[in-house]
mmCIF file of all heavy atoms, coordinates in Angstrom:
data_MODEL
# 
_entry.id   MODEL 
# 
loop_
_atom_site.group_PDB 
_atom_site.id 
_atom_site.type_symbol 
_atom_site.label_atom_id 
_atom_site.label_alt_id 
_atom_site.label_comp_id 
_atom_site.label_asym_id 
_atom_site.label_entity_id 
_atom_site.label_seq_id 
_atom_site.pdbx_PDB_ins_code 
_atom_site.Cartn_x 
_atom_site.Cartn_y 
_atom_site.Cartn_z 
_atom_site.occupancy 
_atom_site.B_iso_or_equiv 
_atom_site.pdbx_formal_charge 
_atom_site.auth_seq_id 
_atom_site.auth_comp_id 
_atom_site.auth_asym_id 
_atom_site.auth_atom_id 
_atom_site.pdbx_PDB_model_num 
ATOM 1   N N   . THR A 1 1  ? 0.851   -1.187 0.000   1.00 0.00 ? 1  THR A N   1 
ATOM 2   C CA  . THR A 1 1  ? 0.000   0.000  0.000   1.00 0.00 ? 1  THR A CA  1 
ATOM 3   C C   . THR A 1 1  ? 0.888   1.239  0.000   1.00 0.00 ? 1  THR A C   1 
ATOM 4   O O   . THR A 1 1  ? 1.941   1.253  0.637   1.00 0.00 ? 1  THR A O   1 
ATOM 5   C CB  . THR A 1 1  ? -0.917  0.027  1.241   1.00 0.00 ? 1  THR A CB  1 
ATOM 6   O OG1 . THR A 1 1  ? -1.642  -1.190 1.320   1.00 0.00 ? 1  THR A OG1 1 
ATOM 7   C CG2 . THR A 1 1  ? -1.898  1.183  1.161   1.00 0.00 ? 1  THR A CG2 1 
ATOM 8   N N   . LEU A 1 2  ? 0.455   2.241  -0.718  1.00 0.00 ? 2  LEU A N   1 
ATOM 9   C CA  . LEU A 1 2  ? 1.130   3.539  -0.694  1.00 0.00 ? 2  LEU A CA  1 
ATOM 10  C C   . LEU A 1 2  ? 0.481   4.379  0.395   1.00 0.00 ? 2  LEU A C   1 
ATOM 11  O O   . LEU A 1 2  ? -0.737  4.603  0.375   1.00 0.00 ? 2  LEU A O   1 
ATOM 12  C CB  . LEU A 1 2  ? 1.010   4.230  -2.049  1.00 0.00 ? 2  LEU A CB  1 
ATOM 13  C CG  . LEU A 1 2  ? 1.651   5.607  -2.140  1.00 0.00 ? 2  LEU A CG  1 
ATOM 14  C CD1 . LEU A 1 2  ? 3.170   5.509  -2.002  1.00 0.00 ? 2  LEU A CD1 1 
ATOM 15  C CD2 . LEU A 1 2  ? 1.280   6.294  -3.445  1.00 0.00 ? 2  LEU A CD2 1 
ATOM 16  N N   . LEU A 1 3  ? 1.265   4.818  1.349   1.00 0.00 ? 3  LEU A N   1 
ATOM 17  C CA  . LEU A 1 3  ? 0.764   5.615  2.465   1.00 0.00 ? 3  LEU A CA  1 
ATOM 18  C C   . LEU A 1 3  ? 1.200   7.065  2.289   1.00 0.00 ? 3  LEU A C   1 
ATOM 19  O O   . LEU A 1 3  ? 2.390   7.332  2.107   1.00 0.00 ? 3  LEU A O   1 
ATOM 20  C CB  . LEU A 1 3  ? 1.284   5.073  3.799   1.00 0.00 ? 3  LEU A CB  1 
ATOM 21  C CG  . LEU A 1 3  ? 0.979   3.602  4.115   1.00 0.00 ? 3  LEU A CG  1 
ATOM 22  C CD1 . LEU A 1 3  ? 1.596   3.214  5.444   1.00 0.00 ? 3  LEU A CD1 1 
ATOM 23  C CD2 . LEU A 1 3  ? -0.511  3.365  4.117   1.00 0.00 ? 3  LEU A CD2 1 
ATOM 24  N N   . ALA A 1 4  ? 0.224   7.956  2.311   1.00 0.00 ? 4  ALA A N   1 
ATOM 25  C CA  . ALA A 1 4  ? 0.500   9.391  2.252   1.00 0.00 ? 4  ALA A CA  1 
ATOM 26  C C   . ALA A 1 4  ? 0.169   9.995  3.614   1.00 0.00 ? 4  ALA A C   1 
ATOM 27  O O   . ALA A 1 4  ? -0.936  9.799  4.130   1.00 0.00 ? 4  ALA A O   1 
ATOM 28  C CB  . ALA A 1 4  ? -0.329  10.061 1.165   1.00 0.00 ? 4  ALA A CB  1 
ATOM 29  N N   . VAL A 1 5  ? 1.123   10.687 4.198   1.00 0.00 ? 5  VAL A N   1 
ATOM 30  C CA  . VAL A 1 5  ? 0.948   11.297 5.520   1.00 0.00 ? 5  VAL A CA  1 
ATOM 31  C C   . VAL A 1 5  ? 0.925   12.809 5.355   1.00 0.00 ? 5  VAL A C   1 
ATOM 32  O O   . VAL A 1 5  ? 1.894   13.411 4.905   1.00 0.00 ? 5  VAL A O   1 
ATOM 33  C CB  . VAL A 1 5  ? 2.071   10.870 6.474   1.00 0.00 ? 5  VAL A CB  1 
ATOM 34  C CG1 . VAL A 1 5  ? 1.890   11.531 7.835   1.00 0.00 ? 5  VAL A CG1 1 
ATOM 35  C CG2 . VAL A 1 5  ? 2.089   9.359  6.623   1.00 0.00 ? 5  VAL A CG2 1 
ATOM 36  N N   . ILE A 1 6  ? -0.207  13.387 5.698   1.00 0.00 ? 6  ILE A N   1 
ATOM 37  C CA  . ILE A 1 6  ? -0.385  14.839 5.593   1.00 0.00 ? 6  ILE A CA  1 
ATOM 38  C C   . ILE A 1 6  ? -0.137  15.448 6.969   1.00 0.00 ? 6  ILE A C   1 
ATOM 39  O O   . ILE A 1 6  ? -0.788  15.071 7.950   1.00 0.00 ? 6  ILE A O   1 
ATOM 40  C CB  . ILE A 1 6  ? -1.800  15.182 5.099   1.00 0.00 ? 6  ILE A CB  1 
ATOM 41  C CG1 . ILE A 1 6  ? -2.052  14.510 3.742   1.00 0.00 ? 6  ILE A CG1 1 
ATOM 42  C CG2 . ILE A 1 6  ? -1.996  16.694 5.007   1.00 0.00 ? 6  ILE A CG2 1 
ATOM 43  C CD1 . ILE A 1 6  ? -3.473  14.662 3.254   1.00 0.00 ? 6  ILE A CD1 1 
ATOM 44  N N   . HIS A 1 7  ? 0.794   16.382 7.052   1.00 0.00 ? 7  HIS A N   1 
ATOM 45  C CA  . HIS A 1 7  ? 1.137   17.003 8.331   1.00 0.00 ? 7  HIS A CA  1 
ATOM 46  C C   . HIS A 1 7  ? 0.093   18.064 8.686   1.00 0.00 ? 7  HIS A C   1 
ATOM 47  O O   . HIS A 1 7  ? -0.209  18.959 7.883   1.00 0.00 ? 7  HIS A O   1 
ATOM 48  C CB  . HIS A 1 7  ? 2.521   17.632 8.259   1.00 0.00 ? 7  HIS A CB  1 
ATOM 49  C CG  . HIS A 1 7  ? 3.616   16.627 8.234   1.00 0.00 ? 7  HIS A CG  1 
ATOM 50  N ND1 . HIS A 1 7  ? 4.428   16.352 9.328   1.00 0.00 ? 7  HIS A ND1 1 
ATOM 51  C CD2 . HIS A 1 7  ? 4.049   15.792 7.248   1.00 0.00 ? 7  HIS A CD2 1 
ATOM 52  C CE1 . HIS A 1 7  ? 5.289   15.421 9.011   1.00 0.00 ? 7  HIS A CE1 1 
ATOM 53  N NE2 . HIS A 1 7  ? 5.089   15.065 7.753   1.00 0.00 ? 7  HIS A NE2 1 
ATOM 54  N N   . LEU A 1 8  ? -0.441  17.969 9.897   1.00 0.00 ? 8  LEU A N   1 
ATOM 55  C CA  . LEU A 1 8  ? -1.391  18.953 10.413  1.00 0.00 ? 8  LEU A CA  1 
ATOM 56  C C   . LEU A 1 8  ? -0.609  19.973 11.230  1.00 0.00 ? 8  LEU A C   1 
ATOM 57  O O   . LEU A 1 8  ? -0.272  19.741 12.392  1.00 0.00 ? 8  LEU A O   1 
ATOM 58  C CB  . LEU A 1 8  ? -2.455  18.261 11.275  1.00 0.00 ? 8  LEU A CB  1 
ATOM 59  C CG  . LEU A 1 8  ? -3.204  17.107 10.601  1.00 0.00 ? 8  LEU A CG  1 
ATOM 60  C CD1 . LEU A 1 8  ? -4.194  16.476 11.572  1.00 0.00 ? 8  LEU A CD1 1 
ATOM 61  C CD2 . LEU A 1 8  ? -3.928  17.588 9.346   1.00 0.00 ? 8  LEU A CD2 1 
ATOM 62  N N   . GLU A 1 9  ? -0.305  21.092 10.623  1.00 0.00 ? 9  GLU A N   1 
ATOM 63  C CA  . GLU A 1 9  ? 0.576   22.070 11.253  1.00 0.00 ? 9  GLU A CA  1 
ATOM 64  C C   . GLU A 1 9  ? -0.198  22.957 12.217  1.00 0.00 ? 9  GLU A C   1 
ATOM 65  O O   . GLU A 1 9  ? -1.403  23.217 12.045  1.00 0.00 ? 9  GLU A O   1 
ATOM 66  C CB  . GLU A 1 9  ? 1.248   22.926 10.171  1.00 0.00 ? 9  GLU A CB  1 
ATOM 67  C CG  . GLU A 1 9  ? 2.065   22.102 9.181   1.00 0.00 ? 9  GLU A CG  1 
ATOM 68  C CD  . GLU A 1 9  ? 2.585   22.945 8.030   1.00 0.00 ? 9  GLU A CD  1 
ATOM 69  O OE1 . GLU A 1 9  ? 2.336   24.167 8.053   1.00 0.00 ? 9  GLU A OE1 1 
ATOM 70  O OE2 . GLU A 1 9  ? 3.228   22.370 7.125   1.00 0.00 ? 9  GLU A OE2 1 
ATOM 71  N N   . GLU A 1 10 ? 0.521   23.430 13.236  1.00 0.00 ? 10 GLU A N   1 
ATOM 72  C CA  . GLU A 1 10 ? -0.082  24.346 14.205  1.00 0.00 ? 10 GLU A CA  1 
ATOM 73  C C   . GLU A 1 10 ? -0.420  25.677 13.534  1.00 0.00 ? 10 GLU A C   1 
ATOM 74  O O   . GLU A 1 10 ? 0.323   26.161 12.688  1.00 0.00 ? 10 GLU A O   1 
ATOM 75  C CB  . GLU A 1 10 ? 0.871   24.581 15.370  1.00 0.00 ? 10 GLU A CB  1 
ATOM 76  C CG  . GLU A 1 10 ? 1.162   23.329 16.200  1.00 0.00 ? 10 GLU A CG  1 
ATOM 77  C CD  . GLU A 1 10 ? 2.055   23.645 17.381  1.00 0.00 ? 10 GLU A CD  1 
ATOM 78  O OE1 . GLU A 1 10 ? 2.364   24.848 17.579  1.00 0.00 ? 10 GLU A OE1 1 
ATOM 79  O OE2 . GLU A 1 10 ? 2.444   22.704 18.096  1.00 0.00 ? 10 GLU A OE2 1 
ATOM 80  N N   . GLY A 1 11 ? -1.535  26.243 13.929  1.00 0.00 ? 11 GLY A N   1 
ATOM 81  C CA  . GLY A 1 11 ? -1.971  27.503 13.345  1.00 0.00 ? 11 GLY A CA  1 
ATOM 82  C C   . GLY A 1 11 ? -2.830  27.346 12.108  1.00 0.00 ? 11 GLY A C   1 
ATOM 83  O O   . GLY A 1 11 ? -3.334  28.339 11.578  1.00 0.00 ? 11 GLY A O   1 
ATOM 84  N N   . ARG A 1 12 ? -2.990  26.126 11.619  1.00 0.00 ? 12 ARG A N   1 
ATOM 85  C CA  . ARG A 1 12 ? -3.857  25.876 10.465  1.00 0.00 ? 12 ARG A CA  1 
ATOM 86  C C   . ARG A 1 12 ? -5.050  25.052 10.930  1.00 0.00 ? 12 ARG A C   1 
ATOM 87  O O   . ARG A 1 12 ? -4.886  24.059 11.634  1.00 0.00 ? 12 ARG A O   1 
ATOM 88  C CB  . ARG A 1 12 ? -3.091  25.158 9.369   1.00 0.00 ? 12 ARG A CB  1 
ATOM 89  C CG  . ARG A 1 12 ? -3.963  24.796 8.172   1.00 0.00 ? 12 ARG A CG  1 
ATOM 90  C CD  . ARG A 1 12 ? -3.148  24.109 7.087   1.00 0.00 ? 12 ARG A CD  1 
ATOM 91  N NE  . ARG A 1 12 ? -2.250  25.037 6.437   1.00 0.00 ? 12 ARG A NE  1 
ATOM 92  C CZ  . ARG A 1 12 ? -0.987  24.784 6.122   1.00 0.00 ? 12 ARG A CZ  1 
ATOM 93  N NH1 . ARG A 1 12 ? -0.463  23.604 6.421   1.00 0.00 ? 12 ARG A NH1 1 
ATOM 94  N NH2 . ARG A 1 12 ? -0.231  25.686 5.521   1.00 0.00 ? 12 ARG A NH2 1 
ATOM 95  N N   . SER A 1 13 ? -6.209  25.427 10.533  1.00 0.00 ? 13 SER A N   1 
ATOM 96  C CA  . SER A 1 13 ? -7.419  24.729 10.966  1.00 0.00 ? 13 SER A CA  1 
ATOM 97  C C   . SER A 1 13 ? -7.479  23.328 10.371  1.00 0.00 ? 13 SER A C   1 
ATOM 98  O O   . SER A 1 13 ? -6.967  23.078 9.273   1.00 0.00 ? 13 SER A O   1 
ATOM 99  C CB  . SER A 1 13 ? -8.665  25.522 10.554  1.00 0.00 ? 13 SER A CB  1 
ATOM 100 O OG  . SER A 1 13 ? -8.784  25.567 9.136   1.00 0.00 ? 13 SER A OG  1 
ATOM 101 N N   . LEU A 1 14 ? -8.111  22.437 11.126  1.00 0.00 ? 14 LEU A N   1 
ATOM 102 C CA  . LEU A 1 14 ? -8.251  21.064 10.645  1.00 0.00 ? 14 LEU A CA  1 
ATOM 103 C C   . LEU A 1 14 ? -9.108  21.024 9.391   1.00 0.00 ? 14 LEU A C   1 
ATOM 104 O O   . LEU A 1 14 ? -8.873  20.214 8.493   1.00 0.00 ? 14 LEU A O   1 
ATOM 105 C CB  . LEU A 1 14 ? -8.877  20.196 11.748  1.00 0.00 ? 14 LEU A CB  1 
ATOM 106 C CG  . LEU A 1 14 ? -9.111  18.731 11.398  1.00 0.00 ? 14 LEU A CG  1 
ATOM 107 C CD1 . LEU A 1 14 ? -7.799  18.034 11.080  1.00 0.00 ? 14 LEU A CD1 1 
ATOM 108 C CD2 . LEU A 1 14 ? -9.836  18.019 12.546  1.00 0.00 ? 14 LEU A CD2 1 
ATOM 109 N N   . GLU A 1 15 ? -10.093 21.923 9.300   1.00 0.00 ? 15 GLU A N   1 
ATOM 110 C CA  . GLU A 1 15 ? -10.980 21.929 8.137   1.00 0.00 ? 15 GLU A CA  1 
ATOM 111 C C   . GLU A 1 15 ? -10.222 22.230 6.848   1.00 0.00 ? 15 GLU A C   1 
ATOM 112 O O   . GLU A 1 15 ? -10.468 21.621 5.807   1.00 0.00 ? 15 GLU A O   1 
ATOM 113 C CB  . GLU A 1 15 ? -12.102 22.959 8.328   1.00 0.00 ? 15 GLU A CB  1 
ATOM 114 C CG  . GLU A 1 15 ? -13.136 22.582 9.377   1.00 0.00 ? 15 GLU A CG  1 
ATOM 115 C CD  . GLU A 1 15 ? -12.609 22.732 10.791  1.00 0.00 ? 15 GLU A CD  1 
ATOM 116 O OE1 . GLU A 1 15 ? -11.548 23.389 10.970  1.00 0.00 ? 15 GLU A OE1 1 
ATOM 117 O OE2 . GLU A 1 15 ? -13.226 22.194 11.715  1.00 0.00 ? 15 GLU A OE2 1 
ATOM 118 N N   . SER A 1 16 ? -9.267  23.173 6.911   1.00 0.00 ? 16 SER A N   1 
ATOM 119 C CA  . SER A 1 16 ? -8.519  23.506 5.700   1.00 0.00 ? 16 SER A CA  1 
ATOM 120 C C   . SER A 1 16 ? -7.592  22.358 5.298   1.00 0.00 ? 16 SER A C   1 
ATOM 121 O O   . SER A 1 16 ? -7.416  22.084 4.105   1.00 0.00 ? 16 SER A O   1 
ATOM 122 C CB  . SER A 1 16 ? -7.704  24.780 5.916   1.00 0.00 ? 16 SER A CB  1 
ATOM 123 O OG  . SER A 1 16 ? -6.755  24.601 6.970   1.00 0.00 ? 16 SER A OG  1 
ATOM 124 N N   . SER A 1 17 ? -7.031  21.664 6.281   1.00 0.00 ? 17 SER A N   1 
ATOM 125 C CA  . SER A 1 17 ? -6.191  20.509 5.966   1.00 0.00 ? 17 SER A CA  1 
ATOM 126 C C   . SER A 1 17 ? -7.029  19.386 5.366   1.00 0.00 ? 17 SER A C   1 
ATOM 127 O O   . SER A 1 17 ? -6.589  18.693 4.432   1.00 0.00 ? 17 SER A O   1 
ATOM 128 C CB  . SER A 1 17 ? -5.471  20.013 7.220   1.00 0.00 ? 17 SER A CB  1 
ATOM 129 O OG  . SER A 1 17 ? -4.591  21.002 7.720   1.00 0.00 ? 17 SER A OG  1 
ATOM 130 N N   . ILE A 1 18 ? -8.241  19.195 5.892   1.00 0.00 ? 18 ILE A N   1 
ATOM 131 C CA  . ILE A 1 18 ? -9.121  18.166 5.341   1.00 0.00 ? 18 ILE A CA  1 
ATOM 132 C C   . ILE A 1 18 ? -9.531  18.522 3.917   1.00 0.00 ? 18 ILE A C   1 
ATOM 133 O O   . ILE A 1 18 ? -9.641  17.650 3.044   1.00 0.00 ? 18 ILE A O   1 
ATOM 134 C CB  . ILE A 1 18 ? -10.351 17.975 6.249   1.00 0.00 ? 18 ILE A CB  1 
ATOM 135 C CG1 . ILE A 1 18 ? -9.930  17.350 7.586   1.00 0.00 ? 18 ILE A CG1 1 
ATOM 136 C CG2 . ILE A 1 18 ? -11.407 17.103 5.563   1.00 0.00 ? 18 ILE A CG2 1 
ATOM 137 C CD1 . ILE A 1 18 ? -11.066 17.191 8.567   1.00 0.00 ? 18 ILE A CD1 1 
ATOM 138 N N   . ASP A 1 19 ? -9.730  19.814 3.671   1.00 0.00 ? 19 ASP A N   1 
ATOM 139 C CA  . ASP A 1 19 ? -10.059 20.238 2.309   1.00 0.00 ? 19 ASP A CA  1 
ATOM 140 C C   . ASP A 1 19 ? -8.910  19.913 1.354   1.00 0.00 ? 19 ASP A C   1 
ATOM 141 O O   . ASP A 1 19 ? -9.135  19.471 0.222   1.00 0.00 ? 19 ASP A O   1 
ATOM 142 C CB  . ASP A 1 19 ? -10.351 21.741 2.297   1.00 0.00 ? 19 ASP A CB  1 
ATOM 143 C CG  . ASP A 1 19 ? -10.641 22.245 0.899   1.00 0.00 ? 19 ASP A CG  1 
ATOM 144 O OD1 . ASP A 1 19 ? -11.601 21.748 0.274   1.00 0.00 ? 19 ASP A OD1 1 
ATOM 145 O OD2 . ASP A 1 19 ? -9.887  23.109 0.407   1.00 0.00 ? 19 ASP A OD2 1 
ATOM 146 N N   . PHE A 1 20 ? -7.675  20.130 1.819   1.00 0.00 ? 20 PHE A N   1 
ATOM 147 C CA  . PHE A 1 20 ? -6.523  19.767 0.996   1.00 0.00 ? 20 PHE A CA  1 
ATOM 148 C C   . PHE A 1 20 ? -6.500  18.265 0.738   1.00 0.00 ? 20 PHE A C   1 
ATOM 149 O O   . PHE A 1 20 ? -6.248  17.808 -0.391  1.00 0.00 ? 20 PHE A O   1 
ATOM 150 C CB  . PHE A 1 20 ? -5.227  20.201 1.695   1.00 0.00 ? 20 PHE A CB  1 
ATOM 151 C CG  . PHE A 1 20 ? -3.979  19.844 0.945   1.00 0.00 ? 20 PHE A CG  1 
ATOM 152 C CD1 . PHE A 1 20 ? -3.480  20.666 -0.057  1.00 0.00 ? 20 PHE A CD1 1 
ATOM 153 C CD2 . PHE A 1 20 ? -3.287  18.669 1.233   1.00 0.00 ? 20 PHE A CD2 1 
ATOM 154 C CE1 . PHE A 1 20 ? -2.321  20.328 -0.750  1.00 0.00 ? 20 PHE A CE1 1 
ATOM 155 C CE2 . PHE A 1 20 ? -2.142  18.329 0.544   1.00 0.00 ? 20 PHE A CE2 1 
ATOM 156 C CZ  . PHE A 1 20 ? -1.663  19.159 -0.448  1.00 0.00 ? 20 PHE A CZ  1 
ATOM 157 N N   . ALA A 1 21 ? -6.773  17.467 1.785   1.00 0.00 ? 21 ALA A N   1 
ATOM 158 C CA  . ALA A 1 21 ? -6.795  16.008 1.625   1.00 0.00 ? 21 ALA A CA  1 
ATOM 159 C C   . ALA A 1 21 ? -7.895  15.583 0.671   1.00 0.00 ? 21 ALA A C   1 
ATOM 160 O O   . ALA A 1 21 ? -7.717  14.661 -0.137  1.00 0.00 ? 21 ALA A O   1 
ATOM 161 C CB  . ALA A 1 21 ? -6.968  15.343 2.987   1.00 0.00 ? 21 ALA A CB  1 
ATOM 162 N N   . ASP A 1 22 ? -9.063  16.243 0.740   1.00 0.00 ? 22 ASP A N   1 
ATOM 163 C CA  . ASP A 1 22 ? -10.161 15.925 -0.176  1.00 0.00 ? 22 ASP A CA  1 
ATOM 164 C C   . ASP A 1 22 ? -9.744  16.161 -1.632  1.00 0.00 ? 22 ASP A C   1 
ATOM 165 O O   . ASP A 1 22 ? -10.016 15.332 -2.504  1.00 0.00 ? 22 ASP A O   1 
ATOM 166 C CB  . ASP A 1 22 ? -11.388 16.777 0.148   1.00 0.00 ? 22 ASP A CB  1 
ATOM 167 C CG  . ASP A 1 22 ? -12.098 16.310 1.412   1.00 0.00 ? 22 ASP A CG  1 
ATOM 168 O OD1 . ASP A 1 22 ? -11.968 15.114 1.736   1.00 0.00 ? 22 ASP A OD1 1 
ATOM 169 O OD2 . ASP A 1 22 ? -12.767 17.129 2.054   1.00 0.00 ? 22 ASP A OD2 1 
ATOM 170 N N   . ARG A 1 23 ? -9.089  17.287 -1.873  1.00 0.00 ? 23 ARG A N   1 
ATOM 171 C CA  . ARG A 1 23 ? -8.662  17.603 -3.235  1.00 0.00 ? 23 ARG A CA  1 
ATOM 172 C C   . ARG A 1 23 ? -7.623  16.581 -3.735  1.00 0.00 ? 23 ARG A C   1 
ATOM 173 O O   . ARG A 1 23 ? -7.697  16.132 -4.877  1.00 0.00 ? 23 ARG A O   1 
ATOM 174 C CB  . ARG A 1 23 ? -8.058  19.018 -3.285  1.00 0.00 ? 23 ARG A CB  1 
ATOM 175 C CG  . ARG A 1 23 ? -9.060  20.135 -2.991  1.00 0.00 ? 23 ARG A CG  1 
ATOM 176 C CD  . ARG A 1 23 ? -8.330  21.456 -2.809  1.00 0.00 ? 23 ARG A CD  1 
ATOM 177 N NE  . ARG A 1 23 ? -9.225  22.531 -2.439  1.00 0.00 ? 23 ARG A NE  1 
ATOM 178 C CZ  . ARG A 1 23 ? -9.488  23.591 -3.199  1.00 0.00 ? 23 ARG A CZ  1 
ATOM 179 N NH1 . ARG A 1 23 ? -8.923  23.711 -4.392  1.00 0.00 ? 23 ARG A NH1 1 
ATOM 180 N NH2 . ARG A 1 23 ? -10.305 24.531 -2.786  1.00 0.00 ? 23 ARG A NH2 1 
ATOM 181 N N   . PHE A 1 24 ? -6.668  16.248 -2.853  1.00 0.00 ? 24 PHE A N   1 
ATOM 182 C CA  . PHE A 1 24 ? -5.624  15.304 -3.257  1.00 0.00 ? 24 PHE A CA  1 
ATOM 183 C C   . PHE A 1 24 ? -6.206  13.916 -3.496  1.00 0.00 ? 24 PHE A C   1 
ATOM 184 O O   . PHE A 1 24 ? -5.850  13.240 -4.474  1.00 0.00 ? 24 PHE A O   1 
ATOM 185 C CB  . PHE A 1 24 ? -4.542  15.256 -2.181  1.00 0.00 ? 24 PHE A CB  1 
ATOM 186 C CG  . PHE A 1 24 ? -3.364  14.411 -2.557  1.00 0.00 ? 24 PHE A CG  1 
ATOM 187 C CD1 . PHE A 1 24 ? -2.639  14.652 -3.717  1.00 0.00 ? 24 PHE A CD1 1 
ATOM 188 C CD2 . PHE A 1 24 ? -2.960  13.356 -1.749  1.00 0.00 ? 24 PHE A CD2 1 
ATOM 189 C CE1 . PHE A 1 24 ? -1.550  13.865 -4.065  1.00 0.00 ? 24 PHE A CE1 1 
ATOM 190 C CE2 . PHE A 1 24 ? -1.882  12.571 -2.085  1.00 0.00 ? 24 PHE A CE2 1 
ATOM 191 C CZ  . PHE A 1 24 ? -1.179  12.823 -3.248  1.00 0.00 ? 24 PHE A CZ  1 
ATOM 192 N N   . ALA A 1 25 ? -7.115  13.482 -2.618  1.00 0.00 ? 25 ALA A N   1 
ATOM 193 C CA  . ALA A 1 25 ? -7.735  12.168 -2.803  1.00 0.00 ? 25 ALA A CA  1 
ATOM 194 C C   . ALA A 1 25 ? -8.563  12.133 -4.084  1.00 0.00 ? 25 ALA A C   1 
ATOM 195 O O   . ALA A 1 25 ? -8.543  11.123 -4.815  1.00 0.00 ? 25 ALA A O   1 
ATOM 196 C CB  . ALA A 1 25 ? -8.614  11.836 -1.595  1.00 0.00 ? 25 ALA A CB  1 
ATOM 197 N N   . ARG A 1 26 ? -9.269  13.199 -4.386  1.00 0.00 ? 26 ARG A N   1 
ATOM 198 C CA  . ARG A 1 26 ? -10.059 13.258 -5.617  1.00 0.00 ? 26 ARG A CA  1 
ATOM 199 C C   . ARG A 1 26 ? -9.155  13.191 -6.840  1.00 0.00 ? 26 ARG A C   1 
ATOM 200 O O   . ARG A 1 26 ? -9.462  12.519 -7.834  1.00 0.00 ? 26 ARG A O   1 
ATOM 201 C CB  . ARG A 1 26 ? -10.881 14.555 -5.635  1.00 0.00 ? 26 ARG A CB  1 
ATOM 202 C CG  . ARG A 1 26 ? -11.927 14.611 -6.759  1.00 0.00 ? 26 ARG A CG  1 
ATOM 203 C CD  . ARG A 1 26 ? -12.655 15.946 -6.750  1.00 0.00 ? 26 ARG A CD  1 
ATOM 204 N NE  . ARG A 1 26 ? -13.109 16.290 -5.423  1.00 0.00 ? 26 ARG A NE  1 
ATOM 205 C CZ  . ARG A 1 26 ? -12.694 17.349 -4.734  1.00 0.00 ? 26 ARG A CZ  1 
ATOM 206 N NH1 . ARG A 1 26 ? -11.788 18.172 -5.279  1.00 0.00 ? 26 ARG A NH1 1 
ATOM 207 N NH2 . ARG A 1 26 ? -13.162 17.605 -3.543  1.00 0.00 ? 26 ARG A NH2 1 
ATOM 208 N N   . ASN A 1 27 ? -7.995  13.879 -6.755  1.00 0.00 ? 27 ASN A N   1 
ATOM 209 C CA  . ASN A 1 27 ? -7.044  13.844 -7.865  1.00 0.00 ? 27 ASN A CA  1 
ATOM 210 C C   . ASN A 1 27 ? -6.525  12.426 -8.085  1.00 0.00 ? 27 ASN A C   1 
ATOM 211 O O   . ASN A 1 27 ? -6.400  11.966 -9.227  1.00 0.00 ? 27 ASN A O   1 
ATOM 212 C CB  . ASN A 1 27 ? -5.881  14.794 -7.557  1.00 0.00 ? 27 ASN A CB  1 
ATOM 213 C CG  . ASN A 1 27 ? -4.915  14.955 -8.715  1.00 0.00 ? 27 ASN A CG  1 
ATOM 214 O OD1 . ASN A 1 27 ? -4.272  14.004 -9.120  1.00 0.00 ? 27 ASN A OD1 1 
ATOM 215 N ND2 . ASN A 1 27 ? -4.804  16.174 -9.223  1.00 0.00 ? 27 ASN A ND2 1 
ATOM 216 N N   . LEU A 1 28 ? -6.214  11.704 -6.996  1.00 0.00 ? 28 LEU A N   1 
ATOM 217 C CA  . LEU A 1 28 ? -5.702  10.341 -7.132  1.00 0.00 ? 28 LEU A CA  1 
ATOM 218 C C   . LEU A 1 28 ? -6.774  9.389  -7.638  1.00 0.00 ? 28 LEU A C   1 
ATOM 219 O O   . LEU A 1 28 ? -6.495  8.482  -8.429  1.00 0.00 ? 28 LEU A O   1 
ATOM 220 C CB  . LEU A 1 28 ? -5.155  9.848  -5.788  1.00 0.00 ? 28 LEU A CB  1 
ATOM 221 C CG  . LEU A 1 28 ? -3.890  10.538 -5.250  1.00 0.00 ? 28 LEU A CG  1 
ATOM 222 C CD1 . LEU A 1 28 ? -3.445  9.885  -3.947  1.00 0.00 ? 28 LEU A CD1 1 
ATOM 223 C CD2 . LEU A 1 28 ? -2.759  10.498 -6.267  1.00 0.00 ? 28 LEU A CD2 1 
ATOM 224 N N   . ARG A 1 29 ? -8.028  9.556  -7.201  1.00 0.00 ? 29 ARG A N   1 
ATOM 225 C CA  . ARG A 1 29 ? -9.091  8.654  -7.637  1.00 0.00 ? 29 ARG A CA  1 
ATOM 226 C C   . ARG A 1 29 ? -9.370  8.785  -9.131  1.00 0.00 ? 29 ARG A C   1 
ATOM 227 O O   . ARG A 1 29 ? -9.795  7.818  -9.771  1.00 0.00 ? 29 ARG A O   1 
ATOM 228 C CB  . ARG A 1 29 ? -10.374 8.949  -6.854  1.00 0.00 ? 29 ARG A CB  1 
ATOM 229 C CG  . ARG A 1 29 ? -10.321 8.524  -5.382  1.00 0.00 ? 29 ARG A CG  1 
ATOM 230 C CD  . ARG A 1 29 ? -11.686 8.614  -4.731  1.00 0.00 ? 29 ARG A CD  1 
ATOM 231 N NE  . ARG A 1 29 ? -11.641 8.228  -3.337  1.00 0.00 ? 29 ARG A NE  1 
ATOM 232 C CZ  . ARG A 1 29 ? -11.765 9.061  -2.312  1.00 0.00 ? 29 ARG A CZ  1 
ATOM 233 N NH1 . ARG A 1 29 ? -11.940 10.368 -2.544  1.00 0.00 ? 29 ARG A NH1 1 
ATOM 234 N NH2 . ARG A 1 29 ? -11.712 8.622  -1.073  1.00 0.00 ? 29 ARG A NH2 1 
ATOM 235 N N   . GLU A 1 30 ? -9.108  9.967  -9.687  1.00 0.00 ? 30 GLU A N   1 
ATOM 236 C CA  . GLU A 1 30 ? -9.312  10.170 -11.129 1.00 0.00 ? 30 GLU A CA  1 
ATOM 237 C C   . GLU A 1 30 ? -8.148  9.630  -11.956 1.00 0.00 ? 30 GLU A C   1 
ATOM 238 O O   . GLU A 1 30 ? -8.202  9.659  -13.183 1.00 0.00 ? 30 GLU A O   1 
ATOM 239 C CB  . GLU A 1 30 ? -9.490  11.669 -11.404 1.00 0.00 ? 30 GLU A CB  1 
ATOM 240 C CG  . GLU A 1 30 ? -10.745 12.255 -10.779 1.00 0.00 ? 30 GLU A CG  1 
ATOM 241 C CD  . GLU A 1 30 ? -10.791 13.762 -10.896 1.00 0.00 ? 30 GLU A CD  1 
ATOM 242 O OE1 . GLU A 1 30 ? -9.776  14.348 -11.373 1.00 0.00 ? 30 GLU A OE1 1 
ATOM 243 O OE2 . GLU A 1 30 ? -11.812 14.368 -10.524 1.00 0.00 ? 30 GLU A OE2 1 
# 
C-alpha cells in the first residue's frame, strides 16, 4: 500500500487541511 501522511501544522485549521486532503484524494481517484 502507498501511504500518504499529511502534516497537520499548528496555526492551520483542521478543516482547511481536510479540504486539501479531499482535493488530493479526488485527484488520485481520477
